[in-house]
Amino acid sequence: ISQRAYQRQLELNQQKLANIENVKETTAREIEELQTILNQEKIRRSQKEKYDNIAKKINELPSRDLTQQQITSLQEEMNQLQAESSSLNQHLETKRRQLTLLFHVTTLLKNEWNSVE
């Protein structure tokens, strides 16, 4: 009877050991799966933080409508300045021609004066 009891106890212990090994393997797989999930969540969190930082910076900038109004205003100002520059260049060219004519006339008068003397 003791041999049988010993054999039975041995079988029970082997079953318990097999169960413990199964639980150990299952737990190891669960830990690996949870580690993968944790890593994915860390990546998601990092991406969300980056997104939030970018969104915060974007929200600090003026709106698209305001920026477009500023661009339009600057373009109009640039057009006015170009028109003014063109007008000033024409005026300058007119004055240059008048001055050239004045020098030419004074040279002619000087030459005529010198020839009279």
N, C-alpha and C. Protein backbone atom coordinates (compact mmCIF):
# COMPACT_ATOMS: atom_id res chain seq x y z
N ILE A 1 0.82 -1.17 0.00
CA ILE A 1 0.00 0.00 0.00
C ILE A 1 0.88 1.25 0.00
N SER A 2 1.94 1.26 0.66
CA SER A 2 2.79 2.42 0.70
C SER A 2 3.42 2.70 -0.66
N GLN A 3 3.69 1.62 -1.40
CA GLN A 3 4.23 1.80 -2.75
C GLN A 3 3.21 2.51 -3.62
N ARG A 4 1.95 2.09 -3.49
CA ARG A 4 0.89 2.72 -4.26
C ARG A 4 0.70 4.17 -3.83
N ALA A 5 0.70 4.42 -2.58
CA ALA A 5 0.54 5.77 -2.07
C ALA A 5 1.70 6.64 -2.54
N TYR A 6 2.88 6.06 -2.48
CA TYR A 6 4.05 6.80 -2.95
C TYR A 6 3.91 7.12 -4.44
N GLN A 7 3.49 6.09 -5.21
CA GLN A 7 3.32 6.27 -6.67
C GLN A 7 2.26 7.34 -6.94
N ARG A 8 1.16 7.29 -6.20
CA ARG A 8 0.09 8.26 -6.38
C ARG A 8 0.56 9.67 -6.01
N GLN A 9 1.27 9.79 -4.94
CA GLN A 9 1.79 11.08 -4.51
C GLN A 9 2.77 11.61 -5.54
N LEU A 10 3.58 10.73 -6.11
CA LEU A 10 4.53 11.13 -7.15
C LEU A 10 3.80 11.64 -8.39
N GLU A 11 2.75 10.92 -8.78
CA GLU A 11 1.96 11.36 -9.94
C GLU A 11 1.29 12.72 -9.67
N LEU A 12 0.76 12.90 -8.49
CA LEU A 12 0.13 14.17 -8.13
C LEU A 12 1.17 15.30 -8.15
N ASN A 13 2.32 15.03 -7.61
CA ASN A 13 3.38 16.04 -7.61
C ASN A 13 3.82 16.38 -9.03
N GLN A 14 3.90 15.35 -9.89
CA GLN A 14 4.28 15.60 -11.29
C GLN A 14 3.20 16.41 -12.00
N GLN A 15 1.95 16.13 -11.70
CA GLN A 15 0.86 16.92 -12.29
C GLN A 15 0.91 18.36 -11.80
N LYS A 16 1.16 18.53 -10.50
CA LYS A 16 1.27 19.88 -9.96
C LYS A 16 2.44 20.63 -10.60
N LEU A 17 3.55 19.91 -10.77
CA LEU A 17 4.72 20.52 -11.39
C LEU A 17 4.42 20.90 -12.85
N ALA A 18 3.72 20.02 -13.57
CA ALA A 18 3.33 20.31 -14.96
C ALA A 18 2.39 21.51 -14.98
N ASN A 19 1.46 21.57 -14.02
CA ASN A 19 0.54 22.71 -13.94
C ASN A 19 1.32 24.00 -13.64
N ILE A 20 2.27 23.90 -12.74
CA ILE A 20 3.08 25.07 -12.40
C ILE A 20 3.87 25.52 -13.63
N GLU A 21 4.41 24.58 -14.39
CA GLU A 21 5.15 24.92 -15.62
C GLU A 21 4.22 25.57 -16.64
N ASN A 22 3.00 25.05 -16.76
CA ASN A 22 2.02 25.64 -17.68
C ASN A 22 1.68 27.07 -17.24
N VAL A 23 1.46 27.24 -15.95
CA VAL A 23 1.15 28.58 -15.43
C VAL A 23 2.34 29.50 -15.66
N LYS A 24 3.53 28.99 -15.44
CA LYS A 24 4.75 29.79 -15.64
C LYS A 24 4.87 30.22 -17.10
N GLU A 25 4.64 29.30 -18.04
CA GLU A 25 4.71 29.63 -19.48
C GLU A 25 3.61 30.62 -19.86
N THR A 26 2.42 30.38 -19.35
CA THR A 26 1.30 31.28 -19.64
C THR A 26 1.59 32.67 -19.09
N THR A 27 2.10 32.73 -17.88
CA THR A 27 2.43 34.01 -17.27
C THR A 27 3.52 34.72 -18.06
N ALA A 28 4.52 33.98 -18.51
CA ALA A 28 5.61 34.57 -19.31
C ALA A 28 5.05 35.15 -20.61
N ARG A 29 4.15 34.40 -21.26
CA ARG A 29 3.53 34.93 -22.50
C ARG A 29 2.70 36.17 -22.21
N GLU A 30 1.96 36.15 -21.11
CA GLU A 30 1.16 37.32 -20.74
C GLU A 30 2.05 38.52 -20.46
N ILE A 31 3.18 38.26 -19.79
CA ILE A 31 4.12 39.36 -19.50
C ILE A 31 4.66 39.92 -20.81
N GLU A 32 5.01 39.06 -21.76
CA GLU A 32 5.50 39.53 -23.07
C GLU A 32 4.43 40.35 -23.79
N GLU A 33 3.19 39.84 -23.77
CA GLU A 33 2.10 40.56 -24.41
C GLU A 33 1.87 41.92 -23.73
N LEU A 34 1.89 41.93 -22.42
CA LEU A 34 1.68 43.18 -21.69
C LEU A 34 2.84 44.14 -21.92
N GLN A 35 4.06 43.60 -22.05
CA GLN A 35 5.22 44.45 -22.34
C GLN A 35 5.06 45.09 -23.71
N THR A 36 4.59 44.31 -24.69
CA THR A 36 4.34 44.84 -26.04
C THR A 36 3.28 45.93 -25.99
N ILE A 37 2.19 45.66 -25.25
CA ILE A 37 1.12 46.65 -25.12
C ILE A 37 1.65 47.91 -24.44
N LEU A 38 2.47 47.73 -23.40
CA LEU A 38 3.05 48.88 -22.69
C LEU A 38 3.91 49.71 -23.64
N ASN A 39 4.74 49.05 -24.43
CA ASN A 39 5.60 49.77 -25.38
C ASN A 39 4.76 50.52 -26.41
N GLN A 40 3.69 49.89 -26.89
CA GLN A 40 2.81 50.56 -27.85
C GLN A 40 2.15 51.78 -27.21
N GLU A 41 1.72 51.65 -25.98
CA GLU A 41 1.08 52.75 -25.28
C GLU A 41 2.08 53.88 -25.01
N LYS A 42 3.33 53.52 -24.72
CA LYS A 42 4.36 54.55 -24.54
C LYS A 42 4.55 55.33 -25.84
N ILE A 43 4.57 54.61 -26.96
CA ILE A 43 4.71 55.27 -28.27
C ILE A 43 3.51 56.18 -28.52
N ARG A 44 2.31 55.68 -28.26
CA ARG A 44 1.10 56.49 -28.45
C ARG A 44 1.13 57.74 -27.58
N ARG A 45 1.57 57.57 -26.34
CA ARG A 45 1.64 58.71 -25.42
C ARG A 45 2.64 59.74 -25.95
N SER A 46 3.79 59.25 -26.39
CA SER A 46 4.80 60.16 -26.92
C SER A 46 4.26 60.90 -28.15
N GLN A 47 3.59 60.18 -29.03
CA GLN A 47 3.02 60.80 -30.23
C GLN A 47 1.95 61.83 -29.84
N LYS A 48 1.13 61.49 -28.84
CA LYS A 48 0.10 62.43 -28.40
C LYS A 48 0.72 63.69 -27.81
N GLU A 49 1.80 63.53 -27.03
CA GLU A 49 2.48 64.69 -26.46
C GLU A 49 3.05 65.57 -27.57
N LYS A 50 3.66 64.93 -28.58
CA LYS A 50 4.19 65.69 -29.71
C LYS A 50 3.06 66.41 -30.43
N TYR A 51 1.95 65.70 -30.66
CA TYR A 51 0.80 66.30 -31.32
C TYR A 51 0.28 67.50 -30.52
N ASP A 52 0.17 67.31 -29.19
CA ASP A 52 -0.32 68.40 -28.34
C ASP A 52 0.61 69.61 -28.39
N ASN A 53 1.92 69.35 -28.40
CA ASN A 53 2.88 70.47 -28.49
C ASN A 53 2.75 71.20 -29.83
N ILE A 54 2.60 70.45 -30.90
CA ILE A 54 2.44 71.06 -32.22
C ILE A 54 1.13 71.85 -32.26
N ALA A 55 0.07 71.26 -31.73
CA ALA A 55 -1.24 71.94 -31.72
C ALA A 55 -1.16 73.22 -30.90
N LYS A 56 -0.42 73.19 -29.79
CA LYS A 56 -0.27 74.38 -28.96
C LYS A 56 0.45 75.47 -29.74
N LYS A 57 1.53 75.10 -30.45
CA LYS A 57 2.27 76.08 -31.24
C LYS A 57 1.40 76.64 -32.36
N ILE A 58 0.63 75.78 -32.99
CA ILE A 58 -0.26 76.23 -34.08
C ILE A 58 -1.29 77.21 -33.53
N ASN A 59 -1.84 76.91 -32.37
CA ASN A 59 -2.86 77.78 -31.78
C ASN A 59 -2.30 79.13 -31.34
N GLU A 60 -0.98 79.20 -31.12
CA GLU A 60 -0.36 80.46 -30.76
C GLU A 60 -0.21 81.37 -31.98
N LEU A 61 -0.20 80.79 -33.17
CA LEU A 61 -0.05 81.58 -34.39
C LEU A 61 -1.36 82.28 -34.74
N PRO A 62 -1.26 83.40 -35.49
CA PRO A 62 -2.50 84.06 -35.90
C PRO A 62 -3.31 83.17 -36.86
N SER A 63 -4.58 83.45 -36.95
CA SER A 63 -5.44 82.64 -37.80
C SER A 63 -5.07 82.82 -39.26
N ARG A 64 -5.52 81.88 -40.06
CA ARG A 64 -5.24 81.92 -41.49
C ARG A 64 -5.86 83.16 -42.13
N ASP A 65 -7.08 83.51 -41.70
CA ASP A 65 -7.74 84.70 -42.24
C ASP A 65 -6.94 85.96 -41.94
N LEU A 66 -6.48 86.07 -40.70
CA LEU A 66 -5.70 87.24 -40.32
C LEU A 66 -4.40 87.30 -41.11
N THR A 67 -3.74 86.17 -41.24
CA THR A 67 -2.49 86.12 -42.00
C THR A 67 -2.74 86.50 -43.46
N GLN A 68 -3.84 86.01 -44.02
CA GLN A 68 -4.17 86.34 -45.42
C GLN A 68 -4.44 87.83 -45.56
N GLN A 69 -5.13 88.42 -44.58
CA GLN A 69 -5.38 89.86 -44.61
C GLN A 69 -4.07 90.64 -44.55
N GLN A 70 -3.15 90.18 -43.71
CA GLN A 70 -1.85 90.85 -43.61
C GLN A 70 -1.09 90.74 -44.93
N ILE A 71 -1.13 89.58 -45.56
CA ILE A 71 -0.45 89.38 -46.85
C ILE A 71 -1.05 90.31 -47.89
N THR A 72 -2.38 90.38 -47.94
CA THR A 72 -3.07 91.26 -48.90
C THR A 72 -2.68 92.72 -48.66
N SER A 73 -2.68 93.11 -47.40
CA SER A 73 -2.32 94.48 -47.05
C SER A 73 -0.89 94.79 -47.48
N LEU A 74 0.02 93.87 -47.22
CA LEU A 74 1.42 94.08 -47.61
C LEU A 74 1.58 94.12 -49.13
N GLN A 75 0.81 93.29 -49.83
CA GLN A 75 0.87 93.32 -51.29
C GLN A 75 0.37 94.67 -51.83
N GLU A 76 -0.71 95.17 -51.23
CA GLU A 76 -1.21 96.48 -51.65
C GLU A 76 -0.19 97.57 -51.36
N GLU A 77 0.43 97.50 -50.20
CA GLU A 77 1.45 98.49 -49.85
C GLU A 77 2.63 98.39 -50.82
N MET A 78 3.02 97.17 -51.16
CA MET A 78 4.13 96.98 -52.10
C MET A 78 3.76 97.54 -53.47
N ASN A 79 2.53 97.33 -53.92
CA ASN A 79 2.09 97.88 -55.20
C ASN A 79 2.12 99.41 -55.18
N GLN A 80 1.69 100.00 -54.07
CA GLN A 80 1.72 101.46 -53.94
C GLN A 80 3.16 101.97 -53.99
N LEU A 81 4.04 101.28 -53.29
CA LEU A 81 5.45 101.69 -53.27
C LEU A 81 6.08 101.56 -54.66
N GLN A 82 5.70 100.51 -55.38
CA GLN A 82 6.23 100.34 -56.73
C GLN A 82 5.71 101.46 -57.65
N ALA A 83 4.44 101.81 -57.50
CA ALA A 83 3.88 102.90 -58.30
C ALA A 83 4.57 104.21 -57.95
N GLU A 84 4.79 104.44 -56.66
CA GLU A 84 5.47 105.66 -56.23
C GLU A 84 6.91 105.68 -56.74
N SER A 85 7.56 104.54 -56.72
CA SER A 85 8.93 104.45 -57.22
C SER A 85 8.98 104.75 -58.71
N SER A 86 8.03 104.22 -59.43
CA SER A 86 7.96 104.47 -60.87
C SER A 86 7.74 105.96 -61.14
N SER A 87 6.84 106.56 -60.38
CA SER A 87 6.57 108.00 -60.54
C SER A 87 7.82 108.82 -60.22
N LEU A 88 8.51 108.47 -59.13
CA LEU A 88 9.73 109.19 -58.76
C LEU A 88 10.82 109.00 -59.80
N ASN A 89 10.91 107.80 -60.37
CA ASN A 89 11.91 107.56 -61.41
C ASN A 89 11.62 108.41 -62.66
N GLN A 90 10.33 108.54 -63.00
CA GLN A 90 9.96 109.38 -64.14
C GLN A 90 10.30 110.84 -63.85
N HIS A 91 9.98 111.29 -62.64
CA HIS A 91 10.28 112.66 -62.24
C HIS A 91 11.80 112.91 -62.28
N LEU A 92 12.56 111.93 -61.76
CA LEU A 92 14.02 112.04 -61.76
C LEU A 92 14.55 112.09 -63.19
N GLU A 93 13.99 111.28 -64.06
CA GLU A 93 14.43 111.28 -65.46
C GLU A 93 14.13 112.63 -66.13
N THR A 94 12.96 113.20 -65.81
CA THR A 94 12.61 114.52 -66.35
C THR A 94 13.60 115.57 -65.86
N LYS A 95 13.91 115.55 -64.54
CA LYS A 95 14.88 116.51 -64.00
C LYS A 95 16.27 116.31 -64.61
N ARG A 96 16.65 115.06 -64.84
CA ARG A 96 17.95 114.78 -65.46
C ARG A 96 18.01 115.35 -66.86
N ARG A 97 16.95 115.17 -67.62
CA ARG A 97 16.90 115.72 -68.97
C ARG A 97 16.96 117.25 -68.94
N GLN A 98 16.21 117.85 -68.00
CA GLN A 98 16.22 119.31 -67.89
C GLN A 98 17.62 119.80 -67.52
N LEU A 99 18.30 119.12 -66.63
CA LEU A 99 19.64 119.50 -66.23
C LEU A 99 20.62 119.33 -67.39
N THR A 100 20.47 118.25 -68.13
CA THR A 100 21.34 118.04 -69.30
C THR A 100 21.12 119.16 -70.30
N LEU A 101 19.87 119.52 -70.52
CA LEU A 101 19.55 120.62 -71.43
C LEU A 101 20.14 121.93 -70.91
N LEU A 102 20.04 122.17 -69.61
CA LEU A 102 20.59 123.38 -69.02
C LEU A 102 22.11 123.44 -69.23
N PHE A 103 22.80 122.33 -68.97
CA PHE A 103 24.25 122.30 -69.19
C PHE A 103 24.59 122.54 -70.65
N HIS A 104 23.81 121.94 -71.52
CA HIS A 104 24.05 122.10 -72.95
C HIS A 104 23.88 123.58 -73.36
N VAL A 105 22.79 124.19 -72.86
CA VAL A 105 22.52 125.59 -73.19
C VAL A 105 23.60 126.49 -72.61
N THR A 106 24.01 126.22 -71.36
CA THR A 106 25.05 127.06 -70.77
C THR A 106 26.38 126.90 -71.51
N THR A 107 26.64 125.71 -71.97
CA THR A 107 27.87 125.50 -72.75
C THR A 107 27.80 126.26 -74.06
N LEU A 108 26.64 126.22 -74.71
CA LEU A 108 26.47 126.97 -75.96
C LEU A 108 26.61 128.47 -75.71
N LEU A 109 25.96 128.93 -74.64
CA LEU A 109 26.07 130.36 -74.31
C LEU A 109 27.51 130.75 -73.98
N LYS A 110 28.21 129.90 -73.27
CA LYS A 110 29.61 130.18 -72.94
C LYS A 110 30.45 130.23 -74.20
N ASN A 111 30.23 129.27 -75.08
CA ASN A 111 30.98 129.25 -76.34
C ASN A 111 30.66 130.50 -77.17
N GLU A 112 29.42 130.90 -77.18
CA GLU A 112 29.02 132.09 -77.92
C GLU A 112 29.61 133.34 -77.27
N TRP A 113 29.61 133.39 -76.00
CA TRP A 113 30.19 134.51 -75.27
C TRP A 113 31.69 134.60 -75.53
N ASN A 114 32.34 133.45 -75.52
CA ASN A 114 33.78 133.43 -75.79
C ASN A 114 34.09 133.84 -77.23
N SER A 115 33.23 133.47 -78.13
CA SER A 115 33.49 133.83 -79.51
C SER A 115 33.20 135.31 -79.76
N VAL A 116 32.33 135.92 -78.98
CA VAL A 116 32.02 137.33 -79.12
C VAL A 116 33.20 138.15 -78.60
N GLU A 117 33.83 137.73 -77.63
CA GLU A 117 34.92 138.50 -77.06
C GLU A 117 36.07 138.39 -77.94
